[in-house]
Amino acid sequence: MAENDPSIGFTCGLDTSLRLISGKWKPIILYFLLVGPKRYGELKRAVRDVSDKVLIQHLKELEADGVILRMDYKEVPPRVDYSLSPLGVSLAQALVPLCNWGSENVAAVVSVVNARDR
């Protein structure tokens, strides 16, 4: 590989993608932001069972990675919106087929998980 090859350090394209969405909640955050900007409270309600600490951490990481944009309106009371950057839109759109697969195969996955947990 050439020294200026951008893929250095990544095993494959999937590895590249997973570096940005690693963690249980990041893909779900992206899924909900794909439909449009959300305030923190809206995301908290949409991404059920995530703690405030983890949601805040993931939002900061996604912003630092250039996947989401944080818009602070500098108002009182504070108003902040989160939305997808162009990179985030393309990444979230890539997750849509995976979401569809999950919806289509939920019964099989529930069966497998239940059998594994026994």
PDB file of N, CA and C in Angstrom:
ATOM      1  N   MET A   1       0.830  -1.194   0.000  1.00  0.00           N
ATOM      2  CA  MET A   1       0.000   0.000   0.000  1.00  0.00           C
ATOM      3  C   MET A   1       0.866   1.246   0.000  1.00  0.00           C
ATOM      4  N   ALA A   2       0.392   2.235  -0.687  1.00  0.00           N
ATOM      5  CA  ALA A   2       1.113   3.497  -0.736  1.00  0.00           C
ATOM      6  C   ALA A   2       0.977   4.219   0.594  1.00  0.00           C
ATOM      7  N   GLU A   3       1.976   5.026   0.902  1.00  0.00           N
ATOM      8  CA  GLU A   3       1.990   5.735   2.169  1.00  0.00           C
ATOM      9  C   GLU A   3       0.807   6.688   2.325  1.00  0.00           C
ATOM     10  N   ASN A   4       0.294   7.218   1.228  1.00  0.00           N
ATOM     11  CA  ASN A   4      -0.831   8.148   1.295  1.00  0.00           C
ATOM     12  C   ASN A   4      -2.172   7.452   1.068  1.00  0.00           C
ATOM     13  N   ASP A   5      -2.210   6.145   1.134  1.00  0.00           N
ATOM     14  CA  ASP A   5      -3.438   5.366   0.956  1.00  0.00           C
ATOM     15  C   ASP A   5      -4.354   5.607   2.156  1.00  0.00           C
ATOM     16  N   PRO A   6      -5.582   6.147   1.939  1.00  0.00           N
ATOM     17  CA  PRO A   6      -6.474   6.455   3.061  1.00  0.00           C
ATOM     18  C   PRO A   6      -7.002   5.217   3.778  1.00  0.00           C
ATOM     19  N   SER A   7      -6.875   4.035   3.161  1.00  0.00           N
ATOM     20  CA  SER A   7      -7.401   2.826   3.799  1.00  0.00           C
ATOM     21  C   SER A   7      -6.419   2.198   4.781  1.00  0.00           C
ATOM     22  N   ILE A   8      -5.225   2.762   4.894  1.00  0.00           N
ATOM     23  CA  ILE A   8      -4.249   2.217   5.837  1.00  0.00           C
ATOM     24  C   ILE A   8      -4.839   2.258   7.243  1.00  0.00           C
ATOM     25  N   GLY A   9      -4.752   1.160   7.939  1.00  0.00           N
ATOM     26  CA  GLY A   9      -5.281   1.072   9.291  1.00  0.00           C
ATOM     27  C   GLY A   9      -6.659   0.446   9.344  1.00  0.00           C
ATOM     28  N   PHE A  10      -7.286   0.233   8.197  1.00  0.00           N
ATOM     29  CA  PHE A  10      -8.590  -0.416   8.140  1.00  0.00           C
ATOM     30  C   PHE A  10      -8.449  -1.752   7.425  1.00  0.00           C
ATOM     31  N   THR A  11      -9.112  -2.755   7.956  1.00  0.00           N
ATOM     32  CA  THR A  11      -9.065  -4.085   7.369  1.00  0.00           C
ATOM     33  C   THR A  11      -9.837  -4.147   6.060  1.00  0.00           C
ATOM     34  N   CYS A  12     -10.996  -3.500   6.043  1.00  0.00           N
ATOM     35  CA  CYS A  12     -11.868  -3.493   4.869  1.00  0.00           C
ATOM     36  C   CYS A  12     -12.861  -2.353   5.019  1.00  0.00           C
ATOM     37  N   GLY A  13     -13.741  -2.194   4.055  1.00  0.00           N
ATOM     38  CA  GLY A  13     -14.741  -1.133   4.108  1.00  0.00           C
ATOM     39  C   GLY A  13     -15.663  -1.252   5.309  1.00  0.00           C
ATOM     40  N   LEU A  14     -15.990  -2.486   5.680  1.00  0.00           N
ATOM     41  CA  LEU A  14     -16.844  -2.682   6.848  1.00  0.00           C
ATOM     42  C   LEU A  14     -16.156  -2.184   8.112  1.00  0.00           C
ATOM     43  N   ASP A  15     -14.861  -2.449   8.221  1.00  0.00           N
ATOM     44  CA  ASP A  15     -14.087  -1.959   9.367  1.00  0.00           C
ATOM     45  C   ASP A  15     -14.133  -0.431   9.411  1.00  0.00           C
ATOM     46  N   THR A  16     -14.003   0.204   8.255  1.00  0.00           N
ATOM     47  CA  THR A  16     -14.066   1.660   8.174  1.00  0.00           C
ATOM     48  C   THR A  16     -15.399   2.175   8.704  1.00  0.00           C
ATOM     49  N   SER A  17     -16.487   1.557   8.241  1.00  0.00           N
ATOM     50  CA  SER A  17     -17.830   1.970   8.661  1.00  0.00           C
ATOM     51  C   SER A  17     -18.049   1.753  10.146  1.00  0.00           C
ATOM     52  N   LEU A  18     -17.639   0.596  10.628  1.00  0.00           N
ATOM     53  CA  LEU A  18     -17.868   0.257  12.028  1.00  0.00           C
ATOM     54  C   LEU A  18     -17.076   1.140  12.983  1.00  0.00           C
ATOM     55  N   ARG A  19     -15.961   1.697  12.537  1.00  0.00           N
ATOM     56  CA  ARG A  19     -15.207   2.616  13.390  1.00  0.00           C
ATOM     57  C   ARG A  19     -16.051   3.833  13.753  1.00  0.00           C
ATOM     58  N   LEU A  20     -16.922   4.254  12.838  1.00  0.00           N
ATOM     59  CA  LEU A  20     -17.758   5.427  13.096  1.00  0.00           C
ATOM     60  C   LEU A  20     -19.017   5.093  13.877  1.00  0.00           C
ATOM     61  N   ILE A  21     -19.522   3.871  13.744  1.00  0.00           N
ATOM     62  CA  ILE A  21     -20.798   3.536  14.390  1.00  0.00           C
ATOM     63  C   ILE A  21     -20.634   2.476  15.469  1.00  0.00           C
ATOM     64  N   SER A  22     -19.413   2.312  15.972  1.00  0.00           N
ATOM     65  CA  SER A  22     -19.218   1.320  17.021  1.00  0.00           C
ATOM     66  C   SER A  22     -19.966   1.750  18.268  1.00  0.00           C
ATOM     67  N   GLY A  23     -20.520   0.800  18.947  1.00  0.00           N
ATOM     68  CA  GLY A  23     -21.324   1.075  20.123  1.00  0.00           C
ATOM     69  C   GLY A  23     -22.757   0.677  19.861  1.00  0.00           C
ATOM     70  N   LYS A  24     -23.443   0.351  20.900  1.00  0.00           N
ATOM     71  CA  LYS A  24     -24.806  -0.160  20.786  1.00  0.00           C
ATOM     72  C   LYS A  24     -25.784   0.866  20.243  1.00  0.00           C
ATOM     73  N   TRP A  25     -25.590   2.140  20.562  1.00  0.00           N
ATOM     74  CA  TRP A  25     -26.616   3.140  20.287  1.00  0.00           C
ATOM     75  C   TRP A  25     -26.361   4.011  19.066  1.00  0.00           C
ATOM     76  N   LYS A  26     -25.154   4.102  18.575  1.00  0.00           N
ATOM     77  CA  LYS A  26     -24.859   5.015  17.464  1.00  0.00           C
ATOM     78  C   LYS A  26     -25.682   4.714  16.208  1.00  0.00           C
ATOM     79  N   PRO A  27     -25.799   3.466  15.774  1.00  0.00           N
ATOM     80  CA  PRO A  27     -26.626   3.225  14.584  1.00  0.00           C
ATOM     81  C   PRO A  27     -28.084   3.626  14.802  1.00  0.00           C
ATOM     82  N   ILE A  28     -28.591   3.456  16.006  1.00  0.00           N
ATOM     83  CA  ILE A  28     -29.978   3.806  16.302  1.00  0.00           C
ATOM     84  C   ILE A  28     -30.143   5.330  16.301  1.00  0.00           C
ATOM     85  N   ILE A  29     -29.167   6.043  16.840  1.00  0.00           N
ATOM     86  CA  ILE A  29     -29.189   7.504  16.795  1.00  0.00           C
ATOM     87  C   ILE A  29     -29.237   7.976  15.345  1.00  0.00           C
ATOM     88  N   LEU A  30     -28.391   7.405  14.510  1.00  0.00           N
ATOM     89  CA  LEU A  30     -28.367   7.781  13.097  1.00  0.00           C
ATOM     90  C   LEU A  30     -29.702   7.479  12.429  1.00  0.00           C
ATOM     91  N   TYR A  31     -30.292   6.353  12.756  1.00  0.00           N
ATOM     92  CA  TYR A  31     -31.582   5.967  12.181  1.00  0.00           C
ATOM     93  C   TYR A  31     -32.647   7.024  12.485  1.00  0.00           C
ATOM     94  N   PHE A  32     -32.714   7.469  13.720  1.00  0.00           N
ATOM     95  CA  PHE A  32     -33.724   8.457  14.092  1.00  0.00           C
ATOM     96  C   PHE A  32     -33.414   9.846  13.538  1.00  0.00           C
ATOM     97  N   LEU A  33     -32.147  10.173  13.344  1.00  0.00           N
ATOM     98  CA  LEU A  33     -31.800  11.473  12.769  1.00  0.00           C
ATOM     99  C   LEU A  33     -31.997  11.499  11.256  1.00  0.00           C
ATOM    100  N   LEU A  34     -32.088  10.342  10.633  1.00  0.00           N
ATOM    101  CA  LEU A  34     -32.276  10.298   9.182  1.00  0.00           C
ATOM    102  C   LEU A  34     -33.592  10.943   8.765  1.00  0.00           C
ATOM    103  N   VAL A  35     -34.594  10.885   9.614  1.00  0.00           N
ATOM    104  CA  VAL A  35     -35.892  11.483   9.278  1.00  0.00           C
ATOM    105  C   VAL A  35     -35.901  12.994   9.491  1.00  0.00           C
ATOM    106  N   GLY A  36     -34.903  13.525  10.171  1.00  0.00           N
ATOM    107  CA  GLY A  36     -34.822  14.972  10.362  1.00  0.00           C
ATOM    108  C   GLY A  36     -34.186  15.329  11.685  1.00  0.00           C
ATOM    109  N   PRO A  37     -33.887  16.620  11.875  1.00  0.00           N
ATOM    110  CA  PRO A  37     -33.241  17.082  13.108  1.00  0.00           C
ATOM    111  C   PRO A  37     -34.088  16.751  14.338  1.00  0.00           C
ATOM    112  N   LYS A  38     -33.403  16.499  15.429  1.00  0.00           N
ATOM    113  CA  LYS A  38     -34.069  16.187  16.695  1.00  0.00           C
ATOM    114  C   LYS A  38     -33.380  16.964  17.814  1.00  0.00           C
ATOM    115  N   ARG A  39     -34.179  17.336  18.805  1.00  0.00           N
ATOM    116  CA  ARG A  39     -33.630  17.895  20.031  1.00  0.00           C
ATOM    117  C   ARG A  39     -33.218  16.743  20.935  1.00  0.00           C
ATOM    118  N   TYR A  40     -32.427  17.043  21.950  1.00  0.00           N
ATOM    119  CA  TYR A  40     -31.920  15.999  22.842  1.00  0.00           C
ATOM    120  C   TYR A  40     -33.056  15.169  23.435  1.00  0.00           C
ATOM    121  N   GLY A  41     -34.077  15.827  23.942  1.00  0.00           N
ATOM    122  CA  GLY A  41     -35.193  15.110  24.574  1.00  0.00           C
ATOM    123  C   GLY A  41     -35.897  14.175  23.616  1.00  0.00           C
ATOM    124  N   GLU A  42     -36.036  14.592  22.362  1.00  0.00           N
ATOM    125  CA  GLU A  42     -36.651  13.725  21.353  1.00  0.00           C
ATOM    126  C   GLU A  42     -35.800  12.479  21.118  1.00  0.00           C
ATOM    127  N   LEU A  43     -34.488  12.674  21.035  1.00  0.00           N
ATOM    128  CA  LEU A  43     -33.589  11.527  20.856  1.00  0.00           C
ATOM    129  C   LEU A  43     -33.637  10.606  22.061  1.00  0.00           C
ATOM    130  N   LYS A  44     -33.668  11.180  23.243  1.00  0.00           N
ATOM    131  CA  LYS A  44     -33.706  10.384  24.475  1.00  0.00           C
ATOM    132  C   LYS A  44     -34.956   9.501  24.501  1.00  0.00           C
ATOM    133  N   ARG A  45     -36.095  10.054  24.083  1.00  0.00           N
ATOM    134  CA  ARG A  45     -37.334   9.262  24.044  1.00  0.00           C
ATOM    135  C   ARG A  45     -37.299   8.217  22.934  1.00  0.00           C
ATOM    136  N   ALA A  46     -36.693   8.558  21.802  1.00  0.00           N
ATOM    137  CA  ALA A  46     -36.653   7.636  20.664  1.00  0.00           C
ATOM    138  C   ALA A  46     -35.703   6.468  20.916  1.00  0.00           C
ATOM    139  N   VAL A  47     -34.543   6.762  21.506  1.00  0.00           N
ATOM    140  CA  VAL A  47     -33.523   5.734  21.756  1.00  0.00           C
ATOM    141  C   VAL A  47     -33.762   5.211  23.169  1.00  0.00           C
ATOM    142  N   ARG A  48     -34.763   4.366  23.286  1.00  0.00           N
ATOM    143  CA  ARG A  48     -35.165   3.873  24.610  1.00  0.00           C
ATOM    144  C   ARG A  48     -34.043   3.084  25.289  1.00  0.00           C
ATOM    145  N   ASP A  49     -34.006   3.187  26.582  1.00  0.00           N
ATOM    146  CA  ASP A  49     -33.084   2.440  27.446  1.00  0.00           C
ATOM    147  C   ASP A  49     -31.645   2.953  27.451  1.00  0.00           C
ATOM    148  N   VAL A  50     -31.329   3.978  26.680  1.00  0.00           N
ATOM    149  CA  VAL A  50     -29.983   4.537  26.725  1.00  0.00           C
ATOM    150  C   VAL A  50     -29.911   5.493  27.909  1.00  0.00           C
ATOM    151  N   SER A  51     -28.785   5.469  28.611  1.00  0.00           N
ATOM    152  CA  SER A  51     -28.605   6.404  29.727  1.00  0.00           C
ATOM    153  C   SER A  51     -28.228   7.777  29.176  1.00  0.00           C
ATOM    154  N   ASP A  52     -28.477   8.811  29.984  1.00  0.00           N
ATOM    155  CA  ASP A  52     -28.090  10.165  29.580  1.00  0.00           C
ATOM    156  C   ASP A  52     -26.593  10.239  29.306  1.00  0.00           C
ATOM    157  N   LYS A  53     -25.808   9.631  30.172  1.00  0.00           N
ATOM    158  CA  LYS A  53     -24.350   9.674  30.038  1.00  0.00           C
ATOM    159  C   LYS A  53     -23.905   9.102  28.698  1.00  0.00           C
ATOM    160  N   VAL A  54     -24.435   7.947  28.344  1.00  0.00           N
ATOM    161  CA  VAL A  54     -24.021   7.283  27.103  1.00  0.00           C
ATOM    162  C   VAL A  54     -24.541   8.045  25.888  1.00  0.00           C
ATOM    163  N   LEU A  55     -25.781   8.528  25.937  1.00  0.00           N
ATOM    164  CA  LEU A  55     -26.316   9.282  24.807  1.00  0.00           C
ATOM    165  C   LEU A  55     -25.488  10.536  24.564  1.00  0.00           C
ATOM    166  N   ILE A  56     -25.172  11.262  25.613  1.00  0.00           N
ATOM    167  CA  ILE A  56     -24.349  12.464  25.477  1.00  0.00           C
ATOM    168  C   ILE A  56     -22.978  12.109  24.914  1.00  0.00           C
ATOM    169  N   GLN A  57     -22.381  11.034  25.420  1.00  0.00           N
ATOM    170  CA  GLN A  57     -21.063  10.599  24.942  1.00  0.00           C
ATOM    171  C   GLN A  57     -21.109  10.256  23.457  1.00  0.00           C
ATOM    172  N   HIS A  58     -22.120   9.492  23.047  1.00  0.00           N
ATOM    173  CA  HIS A  58     -22.228   9.100  21.639  1.00  0.00           C
ATOM    174  C   HIS A  58     -22.482  10.313  20.744  1.00  0.00           C
ATOM    175  N   LEU A  59     -23.310  11.244  21.186  1.00  0.00           N
ATOM    176  CA  LEU A  59     -23.555  12.448  20.395  1.00  0.00           C
ATOM    177  C   LEU A  59     -22.268  13.252  20.226  1.00  0.00           C
ATOM    178  N   LYS A  60     -21.484  13.375  21.274  1.00  0.00           N
ATOM    179  CA  LYS A  60     -20.211  14.098  21.181  1.00  0.00           C
ATOM    180  C   LYS A  60     -19.250  13.401  20.230  1.00  0.00           C
ATOM    181  N   GLU A  61     -19.179  12.064  20.307  1.00  0.00           N
ATOM    182  CA  GLU A  61     -18.286  11.306  19.419  1.00  0.00           C
ATOM    183  C   GLU A  61     -18.729  11.427  17.962  1.00  0.00           C
ATOM    184  N   LEU A  62     -20.036  11.301  17.712  1.00  0.00           N
ATOM    185  CA  LEU A  62     -20.541  11.416  16.344  1.00  0.00           C
ATOM    186  C   LEU A  62     -20.309  12.822  15.789  1.00  0.00           C
ATOM    187  N   GLU A  63     -20.428  13.833  16.636  1.00  0.00           N
ATOM    188  CA  GLU A  63     -20.146  15.198  16.203  1.00  0.00           C
ATOM    189  C   GLU A  63     -18.658  15.369  15.899  1.00  0.00           C
ATOM    190  N   ALA A  64     -17.805  14.871  16.773  1.00  0.00           N
ATOM    191  CA  ALA A  64     -16.358  14.971  16.574  1.00  0.00           C
ATOM    192  C   ALA A  64     -15.917  14.246  15.304  1.00  0.00           C
ATOM    193  N   ASP A  65     -16.623  13.168  14.966  1.00  0.00           N
ATOM    194  CA  ASP A  65     -16.286  12.394  13.768  1.00  0.00           C
ATOM    195  C   ASP A  65     -16.901  12.976  12.495  1.00  0.00           C
ATOM    196  N   GLY A  66     -17.651  14.058  12.624  1.00  0.00           N
ATOM    197  CA  GLY A  66     -18.231  14.705  11.461  1.00  0.00           C
ATOM    198  C   GLY A  66     -19.462  14.008  10.911  1.00  0.00           C
ATOM    199  N   VAL A  67     -20.093  13.175  11.733  1.00  0.00           N
ATOM    200  CA  VAL A  67     -21.267  12.421  11.292  1.00  0.00           C
ATOM    201  C   VAL A  67     -22.555  13.183  11.591  1.00  0.00           C
ATOM    202  N   ILE A  68     -22.579  13.895  12.712  1.00  0.00           N
ATOM    203  CA  ILE A  68     -23.752  14.705  13.040  1.00  0.00           C
ATOM    204  C   ILE A  68     -23.329  16.154  13.258  1.00  0.00           C
ATOM    205  N   LEU A  69     -24.313  17.018  13.157  1.00  0.00           N
ATOM    206  CA  LEU A  69     -24.112  18.446  13.388  1.00  0.00           C
ATOM    207  C   LEU A  69     -24.923  18.855  14.605  1.00  0.00           C
ATOM    208  N   ARG A  70     -24.341  19.691  15.433  1.00  0.00           N
ATOM    209  CA  ARG A  70     -25.014  20.194  16.634  1.00  0.00           C
ATOM    210  C   ARG A  70     -25.259  21.682  16.432  1.00  0.00           C
ATOM    211  N   MET A  71     -26.528  22.069  16.461  1.00  0.00           N
ATOM    212  CA  MET A  71     -26.889  23.471  16.270  1.00  0.00           C
ATOM    213  C   MET A  71     -27.390  24.043  17.586  1.00  0.00           C
ATOM    214  N   ASP A  72     -26.593  24.932  18.183  1.00  0.00           N
ATOM    215  CA  ASP A  72     -26.961  25.603  19.428  1.00  0.00           C
ATOM    216  C   ASP A  72     -27.536  26.965  19.061  1.00  0.00           C
ATOM    217  N   TYR A  73     -28.797  27.181  19.398  1.00  0.00           N
ATOM    218  CA  TYR A  73     -29.474  28.417  19.028  1.00  0.00           C
ATOM    219  C   TYR A  73     -29.186  29.568  19.991  1.00  0.00           C
ATOM    220  N   LYS A  74     -28.407  29.317  21.030  1.00  0.00           N
ATOM    221  CA  LYS A  74     -28.006  30.360  21.990  1.00  0.00           C
ATOM    222  C   LYS A  74     -29.222  31.091  22.552  1.00  0.00           C
ATOM    223  N   GLU A  75     -30.224  30.314  22.963  1.00  0.00           N
ATOM    224  CA  GLU A  75     -31.439  30.883  23.531  1.00  0.00           C
ATOM    225  C   GLU A  75     -31.572  30.473  24.988  1.00  0.00           C
ATOM    226  N   VAL A  76     -32.445  31.182  25.677  1.00  0.00           N
ATOM    227  CA  VAL A  76     -32.812  30.819  27.038  1.00  0.00           C
ATOM    228  C   VAL A  76     -34.312  30.576  27.038  1.00  0.00           C
ATOM    229  N   PRO A  77     -34.769  29.379  27.421  1.00  0.00           N
ATOM    230  CA  PRO A  77     -33.975  28.214  27.799  1.00  0.00           C
ATOM    231  C   PRO A  77     -33.201  27.658  26.601  1.00  0.00           C
ATOM    232  N   PRO A  78     -32.140  26.900  26.903  1.00  0.00           N
ATOM    233  CA  PRO A  78     -31.284  26.399  25.831  1.00  0.00           C
ATOM    234  C   PRO A  78     -32.056  25.543  24.824  1.00  0.00           C
ATOM    235  N   ARG A  79     -31.717  25.734  23.552  1.00  0.00           N
ATOM    236  CA  ARG A  79     -32.301  24.919  22.492  1.00  0.00           C
ATOM    237  C   ARG A  79     -31.172  24.457  21.590  1.00  0.00           C
ATOM    238  N   VAL A  80     -31.044  23.134  21.463  1.00  0.00           N
ATOM    239  CA  VAL A  80     -30.004  22.520  20.642  1.00  0.00           C
ATOM    240  C   VAL A  80     -30.660  21.463  19.775  1.00  0.00           C
ATOM    241  N   ASP A  81     -30.336  21.480  18.493  1.00  0.00           N
ATOM    242  CA  ASP A  81     -30.803  20.447  17.567  1.00  0.00           C
ATOM    243  C   ASP A  81     -29.620  19.626  17.091  1.00  0.00           C
ATOM    244  N   TYR A  82     -29.879  18.362  16.841  1.00  0.00           N
ATOM    245  CA  TYR A  82     -28.888  17.472  16.232  1.00  0.00           C
ATOM    246  C   TYR A  82     -29.416  17.046  14.881  1.00  0.00           C
ATOM    247  N   SER A  83     -28.554  17.034  13.871  1.00  0.00           N
ATOM    248  CA  SER A  83     -28.928  16.595  12.539  1.00  0.00           C
ATOM    249  C   SER A  83     -27.739  15.860  11.933  1.00  0.00           C
ATOM    250  N   LEU A  84     -27.986  15.210  10.817  1.00  0.00           N
ATOM    251  CA  LEU A  84     -26.924  14.482  10.135  1.00  0.00           C
ATOM    252  C   LEU A  84     -26.154  15.411   9.208  1.00  0.00           C
ATOM    253  N   SER A  85     -24.852  15.239   9.167  1.00  0.00           N
ATOM    254  CA  SER A  85     -24.018  15.912   8.176  1.00  0.00           C
ATOM    255  C   SER A  85     -24.196  15.146   6.858  1.00  0.00           C
ATOM    256  N   PRO A  86     -23.675  15.653   5.757  1.00  0.00           N
ATOM    257  CA  PRO A  86     -23.745  14.863   4.515  1.00  0.00           C
ATOM    258  C   PRO A  86     -23.114  13.472   4.669  1.00  0.00           C
ATOM    259  N   LEU A  87     -22.000  13.391   5.379  1.00  0.00           N
ATOM    260  CA  LEU A  87     -21.384  12.091   5.646  1.00  0.00           C
ATOM    261  C   LEU A  87     -22.327  11.217   6.464  1.00  0.00           C
ATOM    262  N   GLY A  88     -22.978  11.815   7.452  1.00  0.00           N
ATOM    263  CA  GLY A  88     -23.921  11.076   8.289  1.00  0.00           C
ATOM    264  C   GLY A  88     -25.131  10.598   7.521  1.00  0.00           C
ATOM    265  N   VAL A  89     -25.631  11.414   6.587  1.00  0.00           N
ATOM    266  CA  VAL A  89     -26.768  10.993   5.764  1.00  0.00           C
ATOM    267  C   VAL A  89     -26.396   9.758   4.958  1.00  0.00           C
ATOM    268  N   SER A  90     -25.238   9.784   4.318  1.00  0.00           N
ATOM    269  CA  SER A  90     -24.838   8.629   3.505  1.00  0.00           C
ATOM    270  C   SER A  90     -24.625   7.393   4.375  1.00  0.00           C
ATOM    271  N   LEU A  91     -24.095   7.574   5.573  1.00  0.00           N
ATOM    272  CA  LEU A  91     -23.900   6.447   6.487  1.00  0.00           C
ATOM    273  C   LEU A  91     -25.237   5.907   6.976  1.00  0.00           C
ATOM    274  N   ALA A  92     -26.150   6.793   7.362  1.00  0.00           N
ATOM    275  CA  ALA A  92     -27.473   6.354   7.829  1.00  0.00           C
ATOM    276  C   ALA A  92     -28.237   5.652   6.718  1.00  0.00           C
ATOM    277  N   GLN A  93     -28.124   6.152   5.491  1.00  0.00           N
ATOM    278  CA  GLN A  93     -28.794   5.500   4.367  1.00  0.00           C
ATOM    279  C   GLN A  93     -28.235   4.100   4.124  1.00  0.00           C
ATOM    280  N   ALA A  94     -26.965   3.910   4.400  1.00  0.00           N
ATOM    281  CA  ALA A  94     -26.366   2.587   4.254  1.00  0.00           C
ATOM    282  C   ALA A  94     -26.906   1.610   5.303  1.00  0.00           C
ATOM    283  N   LEU A  95     -27.404   2.140   6.417  1.00  0.00           N
ATOM    284  CA  LEU A  95     -27.951   1.293   7.477  1.00  0.00           C
ATOM    285  C   LEU A  95     -29.396   0.868   7.207  1.00  0.00           C
ATOM    286  N   VAL A  96     -30.090   1.560   6.303  1.00  0.00           N
ATOM    287  CA  VAL A  96     -31.501   1.270   6.023  1.00  0.00           C
ATOM    288  C   VAL A  96     -31.715  -0.186   5.614  1.00  0.00           C
ATOM    289  N   PRO A  97     -30.917  -0.761   4.701  1.00  0.00           N
ATOM    290  CA  PRO A  97     -31.126  -2.177   4.369  1.00  0.00           C
ATOM    291  C   PRO A  97     -30.949  -3.100   5.581  1.00  0.00           C
ATOM    292  N   LEU A  98     -30.047  -2.767   6.463  1.00  0.00           N
ATOM    293  CA  LEU A  98     -29.864  -3.565   7.675  1.00  0.00           C
ATOM    294  C   LEU A  98     -31.097  -3.459   8.570  1.00  0.00           C
ATOM    295  N   CYS A  99     -31.674  -2.260   8.671  1.00  0.00           N
ATOM    296  CA  CYS A  99     -32.917  -2.076   9.428  1.00  0.00           C
ATOM    297  C   CYS A  99     -34.033  -2.915   8.818  1.00  0.00           C
ATOM    298  N   ASN A 100     -34.132  -2.886   7.497  1.00  0.00           N
ATOM    299  CA  ASN A 100     -35.160  -3.671   6.814  1.00  0.00           C
ATOM    300  C   ASN A 100     -34.971  -5.158   7.062  1.00  0.00           C
ATOM    301  N   TRP A 101     -33.731  -5.612   7.012  1.00  0.00           N
ATOM    302  CA  TRP A 101     -33.441  -7.025   7.269  1.00  0.00           C
ATOM    303  C   TRP A 101     -33.908  -7.390   8.675  1.00  0.00           C
ATOM    304  N   GLY A 102     -33.613  -6.535   9.646  1.00  0.00           N
ATOM    305  CA  GLY A 102     -34.028  -6.795  11.027  1.00  0.00           C
ATOM    306  C   GLY A 102     -35.535  -6.883  11.163  1.00  0.00           C
ATOM    307  N   SER A 103     -36.248  -5.982  10.496  1.00  0.00           N
ATOM    308  CA  SER A 103     -37.713  -6.008  10.546  1.00  0.00           C
ATOM    309  C   SER A 103     -38.272  -7.277   9.913  1.00  0.00           C
ATOM    310  N   GLU A 104     -37.683  -7.683   8.806  1.00  0.00           N
ATOM    311  CA  GLU A 104     -38.161  -8.869   8.084  1.00  0.00           C
ATOM    312  C   GLU A 104     -37.836 -10.172   8.817  1.00  0.00           C
ATOM    313  N   ASN A 105     -36.819 -10.158   9.655  1.00  0.00           N
ATOM    314  CA  ASN A 105     -36.352 -11.388  10.298  1.00  0.00           C
ATOM    315  C   ASN A 105     -36.480 -11.372  11.813  1.00  0.00           C
ATOM    316  N   VAL A 106     -37.311 -10.475  12.345  1.00  0.00           N
ATOM    317  CA  VAL A 106     -37.414 -10.328  13.790  1.00  0.00           C
ATOM    318  C   VAL A 106     -37.835 -11.633  14.467  1.00  0.00           C
ATOM    319  N   ALA A 107     -38.766 -12.369  13.891  1.00  0.00           N
ATOM    320  CA  ALA A 107     -39.224 -13.622  14.514  1.00  0.00           C
ATOM    321  C   ALA A 107     -38.093 -14.635  14.602  1.00  0.00           C
ATOM    322  N   ALA A 108     -37.313 -14.767  13.540  1.00  0.00           N
ATOM    323  CA  ALA A 108     -36.191 -15.712  13.541  1.00  0.00           C
ATOM    324  C   ALA A 108     -35.132 -15.300  14.562  1.00  0.00           C
ATOM    325  N   VAL A 109     -34.876 -14.003  14.656  1.00  0.00           N
ATOM    326  CA  VAL A 109     -33.864 -13.516  15.603  1.00  0.00           C
ATOM    327  C   VAL A 109     -34.334 -13.734  17.036  1.00  0.00           C
ATOM    328  N   VAL A 110     -35.613 -13.455  17.315  1.00  0.00           N
ATOM    329  CA  VAL A 110     -36.153 -13.692  18.658  1.00  0.00           C
ATOM    330  C   VAL A 110     -36.009 -15.160  19.021  1.00  0.00           C
ATOM    331  N   SER A 111     -36.308 -16.043  18.083  1.00  0.00           N
ATOM    332  CA  SER A 111     -36.191 -17.485  18.325  1.00  0.00           C
ATOM    333  C   SER A 111     -34.751 -17.878  18.635  1.00  0.00           C
ATOM    334  N   VAL A 112     -33.812 -17.358  17.867  1.00  0.00           N
ATOM    335  CA  VAL A 112     -32.390 -17.669  18.077  1.00  0.00           C
ATOM    336  C   VAL A 112     -31.922 -17.143  19.430  1.00  0.00           C
ATOM    337  N   VAL A 113     -32.294 -15.908  19.755  1.00  0.00           N
ATOM    338  CA  VAL A 113     -31.873 -15.313  21.029  1.00  0.00           C
ATOM    339  C   VAL A 113     -32.475 -16.076  22.202  1.00  0.00           C
ATOM    340  N   ASN A 114     -33.740 -16.438  22.112  1.00  0.00           N
ATOM    341  CA  ASN A 114     -34.382 -17.209  23.180  1.00  0.00           C
ATOM    342  C   ASN A 114     -33.719 -18.563  23.362  1.00  0.00           C
ATOM    343  N   ALA A 115     -33.393 -19.246  22.276  1.00  0.00           N
ATOM    344  CA  ALA A 115     -32.724 -20.541  22.355  1.00  0.00           C
ATOM    345  C   ALA A 115     -31.338 -20.393  22.965  1.00  0.00           C
ATOM    346  N   ARG A 116     -30.626 -19.341  22.613  1.00  0.00           N
ATOM    347  CA  ARG A 116     -29.287 -19.111  23.149  1.00  0.00           C
ATOM    348  C   ARG A 116     -29.338 -18.815  24.641  1.00  0.00           C
ATOM    349  N   ASP A 117     -30.380 -18.103  25.087  1.00  0.00           N
ATOM    350  CA  ASP A 117     -30.482 -17.710  26.484  1.00  0.00           C
ATOM    351  C   ASP A 117     -30.939 -18.846  27.400  1.00  0.00           C
ATOM    352  N   ARG A 118     -31.399 -19.950  26.820  1.00  0.00           N
ATOM    353  CA  ARG A 118     -31.846 -21.071  27.651  1.00  0.00           C
ATOM    354  C   ARG A 118     -30.712 -21.855  28.212  1.00  0.00           C
TER     355      ARG A 118
END
